[in-house]
Amino acid sequence: MLNITKNFLRIYPKPILGQNYVIRHYKGGVPGCNLPFKLDKPYRFTVFYLVAGVIGFGAPWLVVMHQMLRPYDYE
């Protein structure tokens, strides 16, 4: 697999479709330093993780259930 990548980069050294080769990362070197919340308090992290999961997965489910249970008439 690695040889395929090397051959591809040797054949096509220029960016494809005008894309730039930009590596976007934080140079701090500490895992989790670029997250929007702190990892130093495990209970707080757990609460934030659960809230994000409930909103992320629960809200679309509630919207779909509301649409399915909504009364309708074909008049």
PDB file of N, CA and C in Angstrom:
ATOM      1  N   MET A   1       0.831  -1.192   0.000  1.00  0.00           N
ATOM      2  CA  MET A   1       0.000   0.000   0.000  1.00  0.00           C
ATOM      3  C   MET A   1       0.868   1.246   0.000  1.00  0.00           C
ATOM      4  N   LEU A   2       1.952   1.206   0.758  1.00  0.00           N
ATOM      5  CA  LEU A   2       2.826   2.360   0.843  1.00  0.00           C
ATOM      6  C   LEU A   2       3.498   2.633  -0.497  1.00  0.00           C
ATOM      7  N   ASN A   3       3.838   1.573  -1.243  1.00  0.00           N
ATOM      8  CA  ASN A   3       4.461   1.759  -2.553  1.00  0.00           C
ATOM      9  C   ASN A   3       3.500   2.416  -3.534  1.00  0.00           C
ATOM     10  N   ILE A   4       2.214   2.103  -3.429  1.00  0.00           N
ATOM     11  CA  ILE A   4       1.222   2.726  -4.304  1.00  0.00           C
ATOM     12  C   ILE A   4       1.173   4.222  -4.045  1.00  0.00           C
ATOM     13  N   THR A   5       1.210   4.612  -2.781  1.00  0.00           N
ATOM     14  CA  THR A   5       1.185   6.033  -2.432  1.00  0.00           C
ATOM     15  C   THR A   5       2.432   6.735  -2.928  1.00  0.00           C
ATOM     16  N   LYS A   6       3.589   6.103  -2.753  1.00  0.00           N
ATOM     17  CA  LYS A   6       4.841   6.704  -3.225  1.00  0.00           C
ATOM     18  C   LYS A   6       4.822   6.874  -4.738  1.00  0.00           C
ATOM     19  N   ASN A   7       4.340   5.861  -5.445  1.00  0.00           N
ATOM     20  CA  ASN A   7       4.271   5.957  -6.904  1.00  0.00           C
ATOM     21  C   ASN A   7       3.300   7.043  -7.342  1.00  0.00           C
ATOM     22  N   PHE A   8       2.168   7.147  -6.663  1.00  0.00           N
ATOM     23  CA  PHE A   8       1.196   8.177  -7.003  1.00  0.00           C
ATOM     24  C   PHE A   8       1.790   9.563  -6.808  1.00  0.00           C
ATOM     25  N   LEU A   9       2.483   9.775  -5.685  1.00  0.00           N
ATOM     26  CA  LEU A   9       3.082  11.082  -5.430  1.00  0.00           C
ATOM     27  C   LEU A   9       4.230  11.374  -6.386  1.00  0.00           C
ATOM     28  N   ARG A  10       4.899  10.338  -6.853  1.00  0.00           N
ATOM     29  CA  ARG A  10       5.977  10.545  -7.817  1.00  0.00           C
ATOM     30  C   ARG A  10       5.398  10.932  -9.180  1.00  0.00           C
ATOM     31  N   ILE A  11       4.274  10.333  -9.544  1.00  0.00           N
ATOM     32  CA  ILE A  11       3.667  10.617 -10.842  1.00  0.00           C
ATOM     33  C   ILE A  11       2.925  11.950 -10.812  1.00  0.00           C
ATOM     34  N   TYR A  12       2.218  12.236  -9.724  1.00  0.00           N
ATOM     35  CA  TYR A  12       1.420  13.449  -9.605  1.00  0.00           C
ATOM     36  C   TYR A  12       1.936  14.318  -8.452  1.00  0.00           C
ATOM     37  N   PRO A  13       3.075  14.994  -8.637  1.00  0.00           N
ATOM     38  CA  PRO A  13       3.621  15.786  -7.527  1.00  0.00           C
ATOM     39  C   PRO A  13       2.863  17.082  -7.280  1.00  0.00           C
ATOM     40  N   LYS A  14       2.103  17.558  -8.272  1.00  0.00           N
ATOM     41  CA  LYS A  14       1.395  18.823  -8.119  1.00  0.00           C
ATOM     42  C   LYS A  14       0.046  18.583  -7.454  1.00  0.00           C
ATOM     43  N   PRO A  15      -0.487  19.595  -6.801  1.00  0.00           N
ATOM     44  CA  PRO A  15      -1.810  19.446  -6.181  1.00  0.00           C
ATOM     45  C   PRO A  15      -2.878  19.121  -7.223  1.00  0.00           C
ATOM     46  N   ILE A  16      -3.793  18.253  -6.848  1.00  0.00           N
ATOM     47  CA  ILE A  16      -4.869  17.856  -7.742  1.00  0.00           C
ATOM     48  C   ILE A  16      -5.976  18.899  -7.675  1.00  0.00           C
ATOM     49  N   LEU A  17      -6.437  19.376  -8.824  1.00  0.00           N
ATOM     50  CA  LEU A  17      -7.526  20.337  -8.945  1.00  0.00           C
ATOM     51  C   LEU A  17      -7.251  21.631  -8.190  1.00  0.00           C
ATOM     52  N   GLY A  18      -6.018  22.035  -8.140  1.00  0.00           N
ATOM     53  CA  GLY A  18      -5.666  23.306  -7.525  1.00  0.00           C
ATOM     54  C   GLY A  18      -5.693  23.320  -6.013  1.00  0.00           C
ATOM     55  N   GLN A  19      -5.751  22.171  -5.392  1.00  0.00           N
ATOM     56  CA  GLN A  19      -5.767  22.127  -3.934  1.00  0.00           C
ATOM     57  C   GLN A  19      -4.357  22.357  -3.402  1.00  0.00           C
ATOM     58  N   ASN A  20      -4.284  23.013  -2.279  1.00  0.00           N
ATOM     59  CA  ASN A  20      -2.998  23.238  -1.638  1.00  0.00           C
ATOM     60  C   ASN A  20      -2.699  22.106  -0.668  1.00  0.00           C
ATOM     61  N   TYR A  21      -1.415  21.811  -0.533  1.00  0.00           N
ATOM     62  CA  TYR A  21      -0.998  20.841   0.469  1.00  0.00           C
ATOM     63  C   TYR A  21      -0.815  21.579   1.784  1.00  0.00           C
ATOM     64  N   VAL A  22      -1.850  21.637   2.580  1.00  0.00           N
ATOM     65  CA  VAL A  22      -1.801  22.337   3.853  1.00  0.00           C
ATOM     66  C   VAL A  22      -2.116  21.326   4.947  1.00  0.00           C
ATOM     67  N   ILE A  23      -1.244  21.244   5.920  1.00  0.00           N
ATOM     68  CA  ILE A  23      -1.481  20.377   7.061  1.00  0.00           C
ATOM     69  C   ILE A  23      -1.969  21.256   8.193  1.00  0.00           C
ATOM     70  N   ARG A  24      -3.191  21.005   8.658  1.00  0.00           N
ATOM     71  CA  ARG A  24      -3.771  21.826   9.707  1.00  0.00           C
ATOM     72  C   ARG A  24      -3.752  21.034  11.011  1.00  0.00           C
ATOM     73  N   HIS A  25      -2.963  21.499  11.928  1.00  0.00           N
ATOM     74  CA  HIS A  25      -2.916  20.873  13.236  1.00  0.00           C
ATOM     75  C   HIS A  25      -2.370  21.863  14.242  1.00  0.00           C
ATOM     76  N   TYR A  26      -2.547  21.529  15.500  1.00  0.00           N
ATOM     77  CA  TYR A  26      -2.042  22.367  16.576  1.00  0.00           C
ATOM     78  C   TYR A  26      -0.659  21.869  16.953  1.00  0.00           C
ATOM     79  N   LYS A  27       0.285  22.755  17.064  1.00  0.00           N
ATOM     80  CA  LYS A  27       1.664  22.359  17.301  1.00  0.00           C
ATOM     81  C   LYS A  27       1.998  22.255  18.782  1.00  0.00           C
ATOM     82  N   GLY A  28       1.006  22.202  19.647  1.00  0.00           N
ATOM     83  CA  GLY A  28       1.249  22.136  21.078  1.00  0.00           C
ATOM     84  C   GLY A  28       1.827  20.812  21.537  1.00  0.00           C
ATOM     85  N   GLY A  29       1.429  19.717  20.910  1.00  0.00           N
ATOM     86  CA  GLY A  29       1.952  18.421  21.263  1.00  0.00           C
ATOM     87  C   GLY A  29       1.257  17.750  22.434  1.00  0.00           C
ATOM     88  N   VAL A  30       0.261  18.377  23.022  1.00  0.00           N
ATOM     89  CA  VAL A  30      -0.464  17.802  24.153  1.00  0.00           C
ATOM     90  C   VAL A  30      -1.801  17.281  23.635  1.00  0.00           C
ATOM     91  N   PRO A  31      -2.105  15.991  23.816  1.00  0.00           N
ATOM     92  CA  PRO A  31      -3.376  15.466  23.337  1.00  0.00           C
ATOM     93  C   PRO A  31      -4.561  16.155  24.012  1.00  0.00           C
ATOM     94  N   GLY A  32      -5.522  16.588  23.220  1.00  0.00           N
ATOM     95  CA  GLY A  32      -6.720  17.210  23.747  1.00  0.00           C
ATOM     96  C   GLY A  32      -6.616  18.698  23.990  1.00  0.00           C
ATOM     97  N   CYS A  33      -5.494  19.337  23.651  1.00  0.00           N
ATOM     98  CA  CYS A  33      -5.351  20.761  23.946  1.00  0.00           C
ATOM     99  C   CYS A  33      -6.167  21.624  22.981  1.00  0.00           C
ATOM    100  N   ASN A  34      -6.569  21.086  21.836  1.00  0.00           N
ATOM    101  CA  ASN A  34      -7.352  21.867  20.892  1.00  0.00           C
ATOM    102  C   ASN A  34      -8.851  21.570  20.981  1.00  0.00           C
ATOM    103  N   LEU A  35      -9.285  20.864  22.016  1.00  0.00           N
ATOM    104  CA  LEU A  35     -10.705  20.590  22.206  1.00  0.00           C
ATOM    105  C   LEU A  35     -11.393  21.787  22.851  1.00  0.00           C
ATOM    106  N   PRO A  36     -12.702  21.959  22.628  1.00  0.00           N
ATOM    107  CA  PRO A  36     -13.402  23.105  23.218  1.00  0.00           C
ATOM    108  C   PRO A  36     -13.735  22.927  24.696  1.00  0.00           C
ATOM    109  N   PHE A  37     -13.270  21.861  25.325  1.00  0.00           N
ATOM    110  CA  PHE A  37     -13.498  21.645  26.748  1.00  0.00           C
ATOM    111  C   PHE A  37     -12.252  21.008  27.342  1.00  0.00           C
ATOM    112  N   LYS A  38     -12.129  21.093  28.657  1.00  0.00           N
ATOM    113  CA  LYS A  38     -10.950  20.573  29.358  1.00  0.00           C
ATOM    114  C   LYS A  38     -11.128  19.084  29.655  1.00  0.00           C
ATOM    115  N   LEU A  39     -10.017  18.368  29.691  1.00  0.00           N
ATOM    116  CA  LEU A  39     -10.048  16.951  30.006  1.00  0.00           C
ATOM    117  C   LEU A  39      -9.529  16.656  31.407  1.00  0.00           C
ATOM    118  N   ASP A  40      -9.215  17.691  32.185  1.00  0.00           N
ATOM    119  CA  ASP A  40      -8.601  17.463  33.487  1.00  0.00           C
ATOM    120  C   ASP A  40      -9.600  16.995  34.544  1.00  0.00           C
ATOM    121  N   LYS A  41     -10.894  17.237  34.354  1.00  0.00           N
ATOM    122  CA  LYS A  41     -11.920  16.796  35.307  1.00  0.00           C
ATOM    123  C   LYS A  41     -12.768  15.713  34.642  1.00  0.00           C
ATOM    124  N   PRO A  42     -12.625  14.460  35.067  1.00  0.00           N
ATOM    125  CA  PRO A  42     -13.320  13.379  34.369  1.00  0.00           C
ATOM    126  C   PRO A  42     -14.842  13.462  34.451  1.00  0.00           C
ATOM    127  N   TYR A  43     -15.383  13.933  35.580  1.00  0.00           N
ATOM    128  CA  TYR A  43     -16.846  14.012  35.688  1.00  0.00           C
ATOM    129  C   TYR A  43     -17.404  15.087  34.764  1.00  0.00           C
ATOM    130  N   ARG A  44     -16.710  16.199  34.671  1.00  0.00           N
ATOM    131  CA  ARG A  44     -17.164  17.268  33.778  1.00  0.00           C
ATOM    132  C   ARG A  44     -17.091  16.813  32.323  1.00  0.00           C
ATOM    133  N   PHE A  45     -16.017  16.112  31.968  1.00  0.00           N
ATOM    134  CA  PHE A  45     -15.886  15.573  30.616  1.00  0.00           C
ATOM    135  C   PHE A  45     -17.026  14.605  30.311  1.00  0.00           C
ATOM    136  N   THR A  46     -17.369  13.752  31.277  1.00  0.00           N
ATOM    137  CA  THR A  46     -18.453  12.793  31.077  1.00  0.00           C
ATOM    138  C   THR A  46     -19.779  13.505  30.853  1.00  0.00           C
ATOM    139  N   VAL A  47     -20.044  14.551  31.622  1.00  0.00           N
ATOM    140  CA  VAL A  47     -21.290  15.304  31.465  1.00  0.00           C
ATOM    141  C   VAL A  47     -21.345  15.969  30.096  1.00  0.00           C
ATOM    142  N   PHE A  48     -20.254  16.622  29.685  1.00  0.00           N
ATOM    143  CA  PHE A  48     -20.237  17.258  28.370  1.00  0.00           C
ATOM    144  C   PHE A  48     -20.403  16.229  27.256  1.00  0.00           C
ATOM    145  N   TYR A  49     -19.763  15.083  27.405  1.00  0.00           N
ATOM    146  CA  TYR A  49     -19.849  14.035  26.395  1.00  0.00           C
ATOM    147  C   TYR A  49     -21.283  13.512  26.293  1.00  0.00           C
ATOM    148  N   LEU A  50     -21.939  13.309  27.432  1.00  0.00           N
ATOM    149  CA  LEU A  50     -23.320  12.834  27.419  1.00  0.00           C
ATOM    150  C   LEU A  50     -24.273  13.873  26.840  1.00  0.00           C
ATOM    151  N   VAL A  51     -24.087  15.138  27.201  1.00  0.00           N
ATOM    152  CA  VAL A  51     -24.949  16.200  26.665  1.00  0.00           C
ATOM    153  C   VAL A  51     -24.791  16.289  25.155  1.00  0.00           C
ATOM    154  N   ALA A  52     -23.561  16.239  24.671  1.00  0.00           N
ATOM    155  CA  ALA A  52     -23.334  16.299  23.222  1.00  0.00           C
ATOM    156  C   ALA A  52     -23.956  15.087  22.530  1.00  0.00           C
ATOM    157  N   GLY A  53     -23.867  13.916  23.145  1.00  0.00           N
ATOM    158  CA  GLY A  53     -24.456  12.720  22.558  1.00  0.00           C
ATOM    159  C   GLY A  53     -25.967  12.764  22.541  1.00  0.00           C
ATOM    160  N   VAL A  54     -26.570  13.256  23.626  1.00  0.00           N
ATOM    161  CA  VAL A  54     -28.034  13.340  23.695  1.00  0.00           C
ATOM    162  C   VAL A  54     -28.555  14.339  22.670  1.00  0.00           C
ATOM    163  N   ILE A  55     -27.913  15.484  22.571  1.00  0.00           N
ATOM    164  CA  ILE A  55     -28.356  16.487  21.600  1.00  0.00           C
ATOM    165  C   ILE A  55     -28.093  16.003  20.181  1.00  0.00           C
ATOM    166  N   GLY A  56     -26.940  15.420  19.958  1.00  0.00           N
ATOM    167  CA  GLY A  56     -26.568  14.992  18.610  1.00  0.00           C
ATOM    168  C   GLY A  56     -27.399  13.848  18.073  1.00  0.00           C
ATOM    169  N   PHE A  57     -27.721  12.887  18.938  1.00  0.00           N
ATOM    170  CA  PHE A  57     -28.472  11.724  18.479  1.00  0.00           C
ATOM    171  C   PHE A  57     -29.946  11.783  18.860  1.00  0.00           C
ATOM    172  N   GLY A  58     -30.283  12.485  19.911  1.00  0.00           N
ATOM    173  CA  GLY A  58     -31.665  12.524  20.374  1.00  0.00           C
ATOM    174  C   GLY A  58     -32.531  13.524  19.642  1.00  0.00           C
ATOM    175  N   ALA A  59     -31.981  14.676  19.306  1.00  0.00           N
ATOM    176  CA  ALA A  59     -32.777  15.722  18.652  1.00  0.00           C
ATOM    177  C   ALA A  59     -33.319  15.276  17.293  1.00  0.00           C
ATOM    178  N   PRO A  60     -32.518  14.694  16.413  1.00  0.00           N
ATOM    179  CA  PRO A  60     -33.098  14.235  15.140  1.00  0.00           C
ATOM    180  C   PRO A  60     -34.172  13.165  15.340  1.00  0.00           C
ATOM    181  N   TRP A  61     -33.984  12.293  16.322  1.00  0.00           N
ATOM    182  CA  TRP A  61     -34.986  11.274  16.587  1.00  0.00           C
ATOM    183  C   TRP A  61     -36.293  11.913  17.035  1.00  0.00           C
ATOM    184  N   LEU A  62     -36.218  12.921  17.902  1.00  0.00           N
ATOM    185  CA  LEU A  62     -37.430  13.604  18.353  1.00  0.00           C
ATOM    186  C   LEU A  62     -38.128  14.327  17.208  1.00  0.00           C
ATOM    187  N   VAL A  63     -37.379  14.919  16.309  1.00  0.00           N
ATOM    188  CA  VAL A  63     -37.981  15.610  15.163  1.00  0.00           C
ATOM    189  C   VAL A  63     -38.713  14.613  14.276  1.00  0.00           C
ATOM    190  N   VAL A  64     -38.096  13.483  13.996  1.00  0.00           N
ATOM    191  CA  VAL A  64     -38.735  12.474  13.148  1.00  0.00           C
ATOM    192  C   VAL A  64     -39.977  11.910  13.832  1.00  0.00           C
ATOM    193  N   MET A  65     -39.899  11.628  15.123  1.00  0.00           N
ATOM    194  CA  MET A  65     -41.066  11.110  15.830  1.00  0.00           C
ATOM    195  C   MET A  65     -42.200  12.130  15.852  1.00  0.00           C
ATOM    196  N   HIS A  66     -41.872  13.398  16.008  1.00  0.00           N
ATOM    197  CA  HIS A  66     -42.900  14.438  15.987  1.00  0.00           C
ATOM    198  C   HIS A  66     -43.595  14.469  14.628  1.00  0.00           C
ATOM    199  N   GLN A  67     -42.822  14.356  13.556  1.00  0.00           N
ATOM    200  CA  GLN A  67     -43.416  14.377  12.224  1.00  0.00           C
ATOM    201  C   GLN A  67     -44.270  13.131  11.975  1.00  0.00           C
ATOM    202  N   MET A  68     -43.842  11.993  12.495  1.00  0.00           N
ATOM    203  CA  MET A  68     -44.597  10.762  12.271  1.00  0.00           C
ATOM    204  C   MET A  68     -45.885  10.716  13.092  1.00  0.00           C
ATOM    205  N   LEU A  69     -45.889  11.290  14.269  1.00  0.00           N
ATOM    206  CA  LEU A  69     -47.063  11.239  15.137  1.00  0.00           C
ATOM    207  C   LEU A  69     -47.995  12.422  14.962  1.00  0.00           C
ATOM    208  N   ARG A  70     -47.644  13.348  14.092  1.00  0.00           N
ATOM    209  CA  ARG A  70     -48.458  14.539  13.874  1.00  0.00           C
ATOM    210  C   ARG A  70     -49.777  14.152  13.199  1.00  0.00           C
ATOM    211  N   PRO A  71     -50.888  14.703  13.664  1.00  0.00           N
ATOM    212  CA  PRO A  71     -52.169  14.369  13.024  1.00  0.00           C
ATOM    213  C   PRO A  71     -52.231  14.929  11.596  1.00  0.00           C
ATOM    214  N   TYR A  72     -52.923  14.222  10.742  1.00  0.00           N
ATOM    215  CA  TYR A  72     -53.028  14.646   9.348  1.00  0.00           C
ATOM    216  C   TYR A  72     -54.457  14.414   8.872  1.00  0.00           C
ATOM    217  N   ASP A  73     -54.826  15.135   7.842  1.00  0.00           N
ATOM    218  CA  ASP A  73     -56.099  14.893   7.178  1.00  0.00           C
ATOM    219  C   ASP A  73     -55.900  15.145   5.689  1.00  0.00           C
ATOM    220  N   TYR A  74     -56.591  14.346   4.885  1.00  0.00           N
ATOM    221  CA  TYR A  74     -56.416  14.401   3.440  1.00  0.00           C
ATOM    222  C   TYR A  74     -57.551  15.139   2.748  1.00  0.00           C
ATOM    223  N   GLU A  75     -58.146  16.117   3.385  1.00  0.00           N
ATOM    224  CA  GLU A  75     -59.283  16.812   2.776  1.00  0.00           C
ATOM    225  C   GLU A  75     -58.865  17.828   1.771  1.00  0.00           C
TER     226      GLU A  75
END
